[in-house]
C-alpha atoms as a PDB file:
ATOM      1  CA  MET A   1      91.566  60.571  31.884  1.00  0.00           C
ATOM      2  CA  GLU A   2      95.074  61.349  30.896  1.00  0.00           C
ATOM      3  CA  MET A   3      96.114  64.531  28.889  1.00  0.00           C
ATOM      4  CA  ASN A   4      96.992  62.749  25.725  1.00  0.00           C
ATOM      5  CA  GLU A   5      94.025  60.943  25.722  1.00  0.00           C
ATOM      6  CA  ALA A   6      91.919  64.073  26.064  1.00  0.00           C
ATOM      7  CA  ILE A   7      93.985  65.693  23.036  1.00  0.00           C
ATOM      8  CA  HIS A   8      93.083  62.667  20.979  1.00  0.00           C
ATOM      9  CA  VAL A   9      89.283  63.131  21.615  1.00  0.00           C
ATOM     10  CA  PHE A  10      89.319  66.787  21.142  1.00  0.00           C
ATOM     11  CA  GLU A  11      91.427  66.387  17.923  1.00  0.00           C
ATOM     12  CA  ALA A  12      88.674  63.701  16.588  1.00  0.00           C
ATOM     13  CA  LEU A  13      85.782  66.144  17.316  1.00  0.00           C
ATOM     14  CA  SER A  14      87.240  69.211  15.893  1.00  0.00           C
ATOM     15  CA  GLN A  15      86.283  68.441  12.241  1.00  0.00           C
ATOM     16  CA  GLU A  16      82.876  69.357  11.144  1.00  0.00           C
ATOM     17  CA  THR A  17      81.766  66.050   9.801  1.00  0.00           C
ATOM     18  CA  ARG A  18      82.956  63.923  12.735  1.00  0.00           C
ATOM     19  CA  LEU A  19      81.293  66.217  15.157  1.00  0.00           C
ATOM     20  CA  SER A  20      78.090  66.143  13.210  1.00  0.00           C
ATOM     21  CA  ALA A  21      78.273  62.432  13.116  1.00  0.00           C
ATOM     22  CA  PHE A  22      79.077  62.340  16.873  1.00  0.00           C
ATOM     23  CA  ARG A  23      76.102  64.475  17.823  1.00  0.00           C
ATOM     24  CA  LEU A  24      73.886  62.339  15.548  1.00  0.00           C
ATOM     25  CA  LEU A  25      74.978  59.280  17.315  1.00  0.00           C
ATOM     26  CA  VAL A  26      74.424  60.676  20.886  1.00  0.00           C
ATOM     27  CA  LYS A  27      71.014  61.823  19.941  1.00  0.00           C
ATOM     28  CA  ALA A  28      70.328  57.961  18.471  1.00  0.00           C
ATOM     29  CA  GLY A  29      70.984  56.530  21.949  1.00  0.00           C
ATOM     30  CA  PRO A  30      72.832  53.359  22.950  1.00  0.00           C
ATOM     31  CA  GLU A  31      71.315  51.328  19.887  1.00  0.00           C
ATOM     32  CA  GLY A  32      73.206  53.423  17.390  1.00  0.00           C
ATOM     33  CA  LEU A  33      72.735  53.815  13.635  1.00  0.00           C
ATOM     34  CA  PRO A  34      73.941  51.795  10.674  1.00  0.00           C
ATOM     35  CA  ALA A  35      76.989  53.559   8.816  1.00  0.00           C
ATOM     36  CA  GLY A  36      74.596  54.079   5.730  1.00  0.00           C
ATOM     37  CA  ALA A  37      71.922  55.792   7.679  1.00  0.00           C
ATOM     38  CA  ILE A  38      74.623  58.197   9.005  1.00  0.00           C
ATOM     39  CA  SER A  39      75.894  58.887   5.696  1.00  0.00           C
ATOM     40  CA  GLU A  40      72.371  59.762   4.340  1.00  0.00           C
ATOM     41  CA  LYS A  41      71.323  61.668   7.221  1.00  0.00           C
ATOM     42  CA  LEU A  42      74.516  63.957   7.041  1.00  0.00           C
ATOM     43  CA  GLY A  43      74.585  64.013   3.196  1.00  0.00           C
ATOM     44  CA  ILE A  44      78.135  62.717   3.171  1.00  0.00           C
ATOM     45  CA  PRO A  45      79.426  60.115   0.728  1.00  0.00           C
ATOM     46  CA  HIS A  46      79.784  56.574   2.095  1.00  0.00           C
ATOM     47  CA  ASN A  47      83.566  56.271   1.706  1.00  0.00           C
ATOM     48  CA  THR A  48      84.091  59.617   3.175  1.00  0.00           C
ATOM     49  CA  MET A  49      81.716  58.824   6.189  1.00  0.00           C
ATOM     50  CA  SER A  50      83.508  55.601   6.724  1.00  0.00           C
ATOM     51  CA  PHE A  51      86.866  57.402   7.274  1.00  0.00           C
ATOM     52  CA  HIS A  52      85.488  59.821   9.640  1.00  0.00           C
ATOM     53  CA  LEU A  53      83.582  56.947  11.568  1.00  0.00           C
ATOM     54  CA  ASN A  54      86.847  55.048  11.881  1.00  0.00           C
ATOM     55  CA  HIS A  55      88.583  58.321  13.036  1.00  0.00           C
ATOM     56  CA  LEU A  56      85.973  58.706  15.854  1.00  0.00           C
ATOM     57  CA  SER A  57      86.166  54.965  16.624  1.00  0.00           C
ATOM     58  CA  ASN A  58      90.048  55.103  17.079  1.00  0.00           C
ATOM     59  CA  SER A  59      89.475  58.237  19.395  1.00  0.00           C
ATOM     60  CA  GLY A  60      87.111  55.845  21.604  1.00  0.00           C
ATOM     61  CA  VAL A  61      84.211  58.276  21.392  1.00  0.00           C
ATOM     62  CA  VAL A  62      82.286  55.990  19.046  1.00  0.00           C
ATOM     63  CA  ALA A  63      81.932  52.075  19.273  1.00  0.00           C
ATOM     64  CA  SER A  64      80.954  49.961  16.263  1.00  0.00           C
ATOM     65  CA  ARG A  65      79.437  46.447  16.007  1.00  0.00           C
ATOM     66  CA  LYS A  66      78.448  44.127  13.071  1.00  0.00           C
ATOM     67  CA  GLU A  67      74.774  43.192  12.698  1.00  0.00           C
ATOM     68  CA  GLY A  68      74.681  40.929   9.542  1.00  0.00           C
ATOM     69  CA  ARG A  69      76.207  43.108   6.608  1.00  0.00           C
ATOM     70  CA  SER A  70      75.919  46.374   8.476  1.00  0.00           C
ATOM     71  CA  VAL A  71      78.119  48.091  10.739  1.00  0.00           C
ATOM     72  CA  ILE A  72      76.287  49.849  13.623  1.00  0.00           C
ATOM     73  CA  TYR A  73      78.022  52.776  15.193  1.00  0.00           C
ATOM     74  CA  SER A  74      77.087  54.157  18.611  1.00  0.00           C
ATOM     75  CA  ALA A  75      78.288  56.876  20.893  1.00  0.00           C
ATOM     76  CA  SER A  76      80.401  55.763  23.873  1.00  0.00           C
ATOM     77  CA  TYR A  77      78.770  57.390  26.758  1.00  0.00           C
ATOM     78  CA  ASP A  78      81.636  56.205  29.165  1.00  0.00           C
ATOM     79  CA  ALA A  79      83.955  58.243  26.973  1.00  0.00           C
ATOM     80  CA  ILE A  80      81.805  61.317  27.081  1.00  0.00           C
ATOM     81  CA  ARG A  81      81.578  61.041  30.833  1.00  0.00           C
ATOM     82  CA  LYS A  82      85.278  60.801  30.931  1.00  0.00           C
ATOM     83  CA  ILE A  83      85.904  63.907  28.795  1.00  0.00           C
ATOM     84  CA  ILE A  84      83.385  66.014  30.774  1.00  0.00           C
ATOM     85  CA  GLY A  85      84.958  64.804  33.982  1.00  0.00           C
ATOM     86  CA  PHE A  86      88.372  65.684  32.611  1.00  0.00           C
ATOM     87  CA  MET A  87      87.069  69.161  31.711  1.00  0.00           C
ATOM     88  CA  VAL A  88      85.416  69.849  35.079  1.00  0.00           C
ATOM     89  CA  LYS A  89      88.034  68.129  37.288  1.00  0.00           C
ATOM     90  CA  ASP A  90      91.196  69.241  35.528  1.00  0.00           C
ATOM     91  CA  CYS A  91      90.502  72.563  33.558  1.00  0.00           C
ATOM     92  CA  CYS A  92      87.974  74.246  35.928  1.00  0.00           C
ATOM     93  CA  SER A  93      88.670  76.164  39.001  1.00  0.00           C
ATOM     94  CA  GLU A  94      86.685  74.713  41.932  1.00  0.00           C
ATOM     95  CA  GLU A  95      85.251  78.314  42.419  1.00  0.00           C
ATOM     96  CA  PHE A  96      83.446  77.956  38.837  1.00  0.00           C
ATOM     97  CA  ALA A  97      82.569  74.165  38.758  1.00  0.00           C
ATOM     98  CA  SER A  98      82.547  71.025  40.474  1.00  0.00           C
ATOM     99  CA  ILE A  99      81.414  67.412  39.887  1.00  0.00           C
ATOM    100  CA  ARG A 100      80.061  65.126  42.386  1.00  0.00           C
ATOM    101  CA  GLU A 101      78.664  61.765  42.303  1.00  0.00           C
ATOM    102  CA  ASP A 102      74.875  61.209  43.089  1.00  0.00           C
ATOM    103  CA  LYS A 103      74.674  57.842  44.517  1.00  0.00           C
ATOM    104  CA  LYS A 104      70.886  57.561  44.826  1.00  0.00           C
ATOM    105  CA  LYS A 105      70.476  58.279  41.060  1.00  0.00           C
ATOM    106  CA  GLY A 106      73.608  56.644  40.113  1.00  0.00           C
ATOM    107  CA  CYS A 107      75.274  59.570  37.982  1.00  0.00           C
ATOM    108  CA  SER A 108      77.743  62.376  38.065  1.00  0.00           C
ATOM    109  CA  VAL A 109      76.318  65.927  38.804  1.00  0.00           C
ATOM    110  CA  ILE A 110      78.074  68.824  37.407  1.00  0.00           C
ATOM    111  CA  GLU A 111      77.555  72.188  39.066  1.00  0.00           C
ATOM    112  CA  LEU A 112      78.570  75.232  37.381  1.00  0.00           C
ATOM    113  CA  ILE A 113      78.725  78.231  39.785  1.00  0.00           C
END
């Protein structure tokens, strides 16, 4: 991940409504949630929520898809892995944190020292 991409992600997540929506979508899993359900769960008006979801989508941390008349939003787990990897690889000293690939489990492991 490049510095400008990371800045764009952090900017998108640095607002309370967007961070709350993102956290809700991470918890919802890969199937995601309809925009209306996100709005209801967070108590945010639909048009305001739409603005924030669009912002998250433009930053790449949220994806959307149409299902009938609904727009379903889901967290982009690939983007999450990239931003966490960026923080560990580019921002942490090797004496404090490292990231390694666990080929057996097929995942990345972050070790905080």
